[in-house]
Each structure stands twice: as C-alpha cells, then as structure tokens.
Amino acid sequence: AGLPDFVQRRVVAGALASRAGLPIN
C-alpha cells in the first residue's frame, strides 16, 4: 500500500495489458 499515484497507474496498466496479451513497453 501507499504507492505514488503515477506508479500505481503504470503498474495497473501493465497488469491489465499482460492479462490482455500485450507487452509492458
């Protein structure tokens, strides 16, 4: 808990992309 908002957004986006079969970068 307590991650900065911009980190949280990028991490969540990466996780969603991975689940959708897309790359991190």
PDB file of all heavy atoms in Angstrom:
ATOM      1  N   ALA A   1       0.842  -1.198   0.000  1.00  0.00           N
ATOM      2  CA  ALA A   1       0.000   0.000   0.000  1.00  0.00           C
ATOM      3  C   ALA A   1       0.872   1.240   0.000  1.00  0.00           C
ATOM      4  O   ALA A   1       2.053   1.200   0.354  1.00  0.00           O
ATOM      5  CB  ALA A   1      -0.909  -0.014   1.225  1.00  0.00           C
ATOM      6  N   GLY A   2       0.278   2.354  -0.402  1.00  0.00           N
ATOM      7  CA  GLY A   2       0.968   3.622  -0.315  1.00  0.00           C
ATOM      8  C   GLY A   2       1.845   3.971  -1.485  1.00  0.00           C
ATOM      9  O   GLY A   2       2.664   4.899  -1.388  1.00  0.00           O
ATOM     10  N   LEU A   3       1.716   3.271  -2.625  1.00  0.00           N
ATOM     11  CA  LEU A   3       2.499   3.637  -3.797  1.00  0.00           C
ATOM     12  C   LEU A   3       2.052   4.996  -4.321  1.00  0.00           C
ATOM     13  O   LEU A   3       0.874   5.338  -4.270  1.00  0.00           O
ATOM     14  CB  LEU A   3       2.312   2.591  -4.907  1.00  0.00           C
ATOM     15  CG  LEU A   3       2.979   1.236  -4.727  1.00  0.00           C
ATOM     16  CD1 LEU A   3       2.580   0.314  -5.872  1.00  0.00           C
ATOM     17  CD2 LEU A   3       4.482   1.370  -4.663  1.00  0.00           C
ATOM     18  N   PRO A   4       2.972   5.797  -4.864  1.00  0.00           N
ATOM     19  CA  PRO A   4       2.568   7.043  -5.509  1.00  0.00           C
ATOM     20  C   PRO A   4       1.551   6.776  -6.616  1.00  0.00           C
ATOM     21  O   PRO A   4       1.575   5.714  -7.257  1.00  0.00           O
ATOM     22  CB  PRO A   4       3.886   7.585  -6.066  1.00  0.00           C
ATOM     23  CG  PRO A   4       4.943   6.945  -5.233  1.00  0.00           C
ATOM     24  CD  PRO A   4       4.422   5.590  -4.877  1.00  0.00           C
ATOM     25  N   ASP A   5       0.690   7.753  -6.873  1.00  0.00           N
ATOM     26  CA  ASP A   5      -0.379   7.559  -7.850  1.00  0.00           C
ATOM     27  C   ASP A   5       0.156   7.211  -9.233  1.00  0.00           C
ATOM     28  O   ASP A   5      -0.393   6.331  -9.908  1.00  0.00           O
ATOM     29  CB  ASP A   5      -1.243   8.821  -7.931  1.00  0.00           C
ATOM     30  CG  ASP A   5      -2.132   9.002  -6.706  1.00  0.00           C
ATOM     31  OD1 ASP A   5      -2.302   8.017  -5.962  1.00  0.00           O
ATOM     32  OD2 ASP A   5      -2.646  10.112  -6.502  1.00  0.00           O
ATOM     33  N   PHE A   6       1.234   7.902  -9.676  1.00  0.00           N
ATOM     34  CA  PHE A   6       1.723   7.643 -11.034  1.00  0.00           C
ATOM     35  C   PHE A   6       2.299   6.233 -11.149  1.00  0.00           C
ATOM     36  O   PHE A   6       2.178   5.585 -12.198  1.00  0.00           O
ATOM     37  CB  PHE A   6       2.761   8.693 -11.442  1.00  0.00           C
ATOM     38  CG  PHE A   6       4.151   8.471 -10.908  1.00  0.00           C
ATOM     39  CD1 PHE A   6       5.099   7.805 -11.655  1.00  0.00           C
ATOM     40  CD2 PHE A   6       4.504   8.923  -9.637  1.00  0.00           C
ATOM     41  CE1 PHE A   6       6.384   7.603 -11.171  1.00  0.00           C
ATOM     42  CE2 PHE A   6       5.780   8.728  -9.148  1.00  0.00           C
ATOM     43  CZ  PHE A   6       6.730   8.066  -9.908  1.00  0.00           C
ATOM     44  N   VAL A   7       2.920   5.738 -10.067  1.00  0.00           N
ATOM     45  CA  VAL A   7       3.412   4.369 -10.072  1.00  0.00           C
ATOM     46  C   VAL A   7       2.250   3.389 -10.104  1.00  0.00           C
ATOM     47  O   VAL A   7       2.246   2.413 -10.864  1.00  0.00           O
ATOM     48  CB  VAL A   7       4.315   4.110  -8.853  1.00  0.00           C
ATOM     49  CG1 VAL A   7       4.714   2.642  -8.774  1.00  0.00           C
ATOM     50  CG2 VAL A   7       5.556   4.992  -8.908  1.00  0.00           C
ATOM     51  N   GLN A   8       1.247   3.648  -9.274  1.00  0.00           N
ATOM     52  CA  GLN A   8       0.085   2.779  -9.222  1.00  0.00           C
ATOM     53  C   GLN A   8      -0.587   2.677 -10.593  1.00  0.00           C
ATOM     54  O   GLN A   8      -0.939   1.580 -11.041  1.00  0.00           O
ATOM     55  CB  GLN A   8      -0.927   3.321  -8.194  1.00  0.00           C
ATOM     56  CG  GLN A   8      -2.116   2.402  -7.938  1.00  0.00           C
ATOM     57  CD  GLN A   8      -1.756   1.201  -7.075  1.00  0.00           C
ATOM     58  OE1 GLN A   8      -0.891   1.291  -6.225  1.00  0.00           O
ATOM     59  NE2 GLN A   8      -2.406   0.078  -7.319  1.00  0.00           N
ATOM     60  N   ARG A   9      -0.730   3.812 -11.285  1.00  0.00           N
ATOM     61  CA  ARG A   9      -1.376   3.802 -12.601  1.00  0.00           C
ATOM     62  C   ARG A   9      -0.574   2.989 -13.606  1.00  0.00           C
ATOM     63  O   ARG A   9      -1.145   2.201 -14.373  1.00  0.00           O
ATOM     64  CB  ARG A   9      -1.539   5.238 -13.104  1.00  0.00           C
ATOM     65  CG  ARG A   9      -2.624   6.044 -12.380  1.00  0.00           C
ATOM     66  CD  ARG A   9      -2.965   7.307 -13.154  1.00  0.00           C
ATOM     67  NE  ARG A   9      -1.820   8.187 -13.314  1.00  0.00           N
ATOM     68  CZ  ARG A   9      -1.464   9.124 -12.451  1.00  0.00           C
ATOM     69  NH1 ARG A   9      -2.185   9.313 -11.342  1.00  0.00           N
ATOM     70  NH2 ARG A   9      -0.414   9.898 -12.671  1.00  0.00           N
ATOM     71  N   ARG A  10       0.736   3.181 -13.601  1.00  0.00           N
ATOM     72  CA  ARG A  10       1.556   2.448 -14.560  1.00  0.00           C
ATOM     73  C   ARG A  10       1.586   0.963 -14.263  1.00  0.00           C
ATOM     74  O   ARG A  10       1.547   0.127 -15.183  1.00  0.00           O
ATOM     75  CB  ARG A  10       2.976   3.018 -14.564  1.00  0.00           C
ATOM     76  CG  ARG A  10       3.057   4.406 -15.176  1.00  0.00           C
ATOM     77  CD  ARG A  10       4.443   4.989 -15.119  1.00  0.00           C
ATOM     78  NE  ARG A  10       5.418   4.200 -15.855  1.00  0.00           N
ATOM     79  CZ  ARG A  10       6.706   4.519 -15.937  1.00  0.00           C
ATOM     80  NH1 ARG A  10       7.165   5.594 -15.327  1.00  0.00           N
ATOM     81  NH2 ARG A  10       7.537   3.752 -16.618  1.00  0.00           N
ATOM     82  N   VAL A  11       1.643   0.597 -12.994  1.00  0.00           N
ATOM     83  CA  VAL A  11       1.662  -0.811 -12.626  1.00  0.00           C
ATOM     84  C   VAL A  11       0.340  -1.481 -12.990  1.00  0.00           C
ATOM     85  O   VAL A  11       0.308  -2.589 -13.550  1.00  0.00           O
ATOM     86  CB  VAL A  11       1.968  -0.966 -11.125  1.00  0.00           C
ATOM     87  CG1 VAL A  11       1.738  -2.400 -10.672  1.00  0.00           C
ATOM     88  CG2 VAL A  11       3.410  -0.560 -10.829  1.00  0.00           C
ATOM     89  N   VAL A  12      -0.752  -0.807 -12.697  1.00  0.00           N
ATOM     90  CA  VAL A  12      -2.061  -1.373 -13.026  1.00  0.00           C
ATOM     91  C   VAL A  12      -2.218  -1.508 -14.536  1.00  0.00           C
ATOM     92  O   VAL A  12      -2.716  -2.527 -15.035  1.00  0.00           O
ATOM     93  CB  VAL A  12      -3.180  -0.495 -12.427  1.00  0.00           C
ATOM     94  CG1 VAL A  12      -4.538  -0.913 -12.984  1.00  0.00           C
ATOM     95  CG2 VAL A  12      -3.180  -0.602 -10.907  1.00  0.00           C
ATOM     96  N   ALA A  13      -1.791  -0.491 -15.290  1.00  0.00           N
ATOM     97  CA  ALA A  13      -1.881  -0.571 -16.745  1.00  0.00           C
ATOM     98  C   ALA A  13      -1.070  -1.744 -17.278  1.00  0.00           C
ATOM     99  O   ALA A  13      -1.523  -2.476 -18.176  1.00  0.00           O
ATOM    100  CB  ALA A  13      -1.404   0.731 -17.375  1.00  0.00           C
ATOM    101  N   GLY A  14       0.142  -1.948 -16.725  1.00  0.00           N
ATOM    102  CA  GLY A  14       0.947  -3.083 -17.152  1.00  0.00           C
ATOM    103  C   GLY A  14       0.299  -4.410 -16.855  1.00  0.00           C
ATOM    104  O   GLY A  14       0.351  -5.348 -17.661  1.00  0.00           O
ATOM    105  N   ALA A  15      -0.338  -4.509 -15.684  1.00  0.00           N
ATOM    106  CA  ALA A  15      -1.014  -5.753 -15.318  1.00  0.00           C
ATOM    107  C   ALA A  15      -2.194  -6.031 -16.238  1.00  0.00           C
ATOM    108  O   ALA A  15      -2.406  -7.170 -16.691  1.00  0.00           O
ATOM    109  CB  ALA A  15      -1.477  -5.680 -13.868  1.00  0.00           C
ATOM    110  N   LEU A  16      -2.979  -5.000 -16.537  1.00  0.00           N
ATOM    111  CA  LEU A  16      -4.109  -5.179 -17.441  1.00  0.00           C
ATOM    112  C   LEU A  16      -3.632  -5.559 -18.837  1.00  0.00           C
ATOM    113  O   LEU A  16      -4.223  -6.423 -19.493  1.00  0.00           O
ATOM    114  CB  LEU A  16      -4.943  -3.896 -17.498  1.00  0.00           C
ATOM    115  CG  LEU A  16      -5.668  -3.490 -16.208  1.00  0.00           C
ATOM    116  CD1 LEU A  16      -6.395  -2.165 -16.410  1.00  0.00           C
ATOM    117  CD2 LEU A  16      -6.650  -4.567 -15.766  1.00  0.00           C
ATOM    118  N   ALA A  17      -2.559  -4.903 -19.298  1.00  0.00           N
ATOM    119  CA  ALA A  17      -2.024  -5.237 -20.612  1.00  0.00           C
ATOM    120  C   ALA A  17      -1.565  -6.686 -20.676  1.00  0.00           C
ATOM    121  O   ALA A  17      -1.815  -7.390 -21.663  1.00  0.00           O
ATOM    122  CB  ALA A  17      -0.871  -4.296 -20.947  1.00  0.00           C
ATOM    123  N   SER A  18      -0.898  -7.135 -19.625  1.00  0.00           N
ATOM    124  CA  SER A  18      -0.430  -8.511 -19.599  1.00  0.00           C
ATOM    125  C   SER A  18      -1.600  -9.489 -19.690  1.00  0.00           C
ATOM    126  O   SER A  18      -1.549 -10.480 -20.431  1.00  0.00           O
ATOM    127  CB  SER A  18       0.375  -8.759 -18.324  1.00  0.00           C
ATOM    128  OG  SER A  18       0.874 -10.079 -18.285  1.00  0.00           O
ATOM    129  N   ARG A  19      -2.653  -9.199 -18.947  1.00  0.00           N
ATOM    130  CA  ARG A  19      -3.823 -10.086 -18.978  1.00  0.00           C
ATOM    131  C   ARG A  19      -4.519 -10.057 -20.337  1.00  0.00           C
ATOM    132  O   ARG A  19      -5.210 -11.014 -20.709  1.00  0.00           O
ATOM    133  CB  ARG A  19      -4.781  -9.698 -17.850  1.00  0.00           C
ATOM    134  CG  ARG A  19      -4.247 -10.027 -16.453  1.00  0.00           C
ATOM    135  CD  ARG A  19      -5.300  -9.807 -15.367  1.00  0.00           C
ATOM    136  NE  ARG A  19      -4.866 -10.371 -14.099  1.00  0.00           N
ATOM    137  CZ  ARG A  19      -4.295  -9.678 -13.120  1.00  0.00           C
ATOM    138  NH1 ARG A  19      -4.096  -8.368 -13.263  1.00  0.00           N
ATOM    139  NH2 ARG A  19      -3.922 -10.270 -12.005  1.00  0.00           N
ATOM    140  N   ALA A  20      -4.318  -8.953 -21.080  1.00  0.00           N
ATOM    141  CA  ALA A  20      -4.905  -8.857 -22.414  1.00  0.00           C
ATOM    142  C   ALA A  20      -3.954  -9.360 -23.501  1.00  0.00           C
ATOM    143  O   ALA A  20      -4.258  -9.233 -24.687  1.00  0.00           O
ATOM    144  CB  ALA A  20      -5.301  -7.413 -22.697  1.00  0.00           C
ATOM    145  N   GLY A  21      -2.832  -9.907 -23.104  1.00  0.00           N
ATOM    146  CA  GLY A  21      -1.886 -10.445 -24.074  1.00  0.00           C
ATOM    147  C   GLY A  21      -1.043  -9.396 -24.760  1.00  0.00           C
ATOM    148  O   GLY A  21      -0.621  -9.580 -25.907  1.00  0.00           O
ATOM    149  N   LEU A  22      -0.765  -8.284 -24.056  1.00  0.00           N
ATOM    150  CA  LEU A  22       0.015  -7.189 -24.617  1.00  0.00           C
ATOM    151  C   LEU A  22       1.301  -6.982 -23.814  1.00  0.00           C
ATOM    152  O   LEU A  22       1.382  -7.379 -22.656  1.00  0.00           O
ATOM    153  CB  LEU A  22      -0.818  -5.897 -24.614  1.00  0.00           C
ATOM    154  CG  LEU A  22      -1.990  -5.870 -25.603  1.00  0.00           C
ATOM    155  CD1 LEU A  22      -2.911  -4.687 -25.309  1.00  0.00           C
ATOM    156  CD2 LEU A  22      -1.484  -5.812 -27.044  1.00  0.00           C
ATOM    157  N   PRO A  23       2.300  -6.306 -24.395  1.00  0.00           N
ATOM    158  CA  PRO A  23       3.603  -6.144 -23.730  1.00  0.00           C
ATOM    159  C   PRO A  23       3.594  -5.042 -22.691  1.00  0.00           C
ATOM    160  O   PRO A  23       2.666  -4.227 -22.612  1.00  0.00           O
ATOM    161  CB  PRO A  23       4.539  -5.806 -24.888  1.00  0.00           C
ATOM    162  CG  PRO A  23       3.658  -5.076 -25.852  1.00  0.00           C
ATOM    163  CD  PRO A  23       2.320  -5.781 -25.780  1.00  0.00           C
ATOM    164  N   ILE A  24       4.672  -4.975 -21.936  1.00  0.00           N
ATOM    165  CA  ILE A  24       4.806  -3.965 -20.895  1.00  0.00           C
ATOM    166  C   ILE A  24       5.282  -2.624 -21.455  1.00  0.00           C
ATOM    167  O   ILE A  24       4.953  -1.567 -20.919  1.00  0.00           O
ATOM    168  CB  ILE A  24       5.778  -4.459 -19.794  1.00  0.00           C
ATOM    169  CG1 ILE A  24       5.728  -3.532 -18.568  1.00  0.00           C
ATOM    170  CG2 ILE A  24       7.192  -4.590 -20.311  1.00  0.00           C
ATOM    171  CD1 ILE A  24       6.505  -4.080 -17.385  1.00  0.00           C
ATOM    172  N   ASN A  25       6.029  -2.645 -22.562  1.00  0.00           N
ATOM    173  CA  ASN A  25       6.703  -1.430 -23.046  1.00  0.00           C
ATOM    174  C   ASN A  25       6.371  -1.192 -24.512  1.00  0.00           C
ATOM    175  O   ASN A  25       6.945  -1.817 -25.399  1.00  0.00           O
ATOM    176  CB  ASN A  25       8.213  -1.557 -22.856  1.00  0.00           C
ATOM    177  CG  ASN A  25       8.960  -0.309 -23.260  1.00  0.00           C
ATOM    178  OD1 ASN A  25       8.364   0.732 -23.565  1.00  0.00           O
ATOM    179  ND2 ASN A  25      10.284  -0.395 -23.270  1.00  0.00           N
TER     180      ASN A  25
END
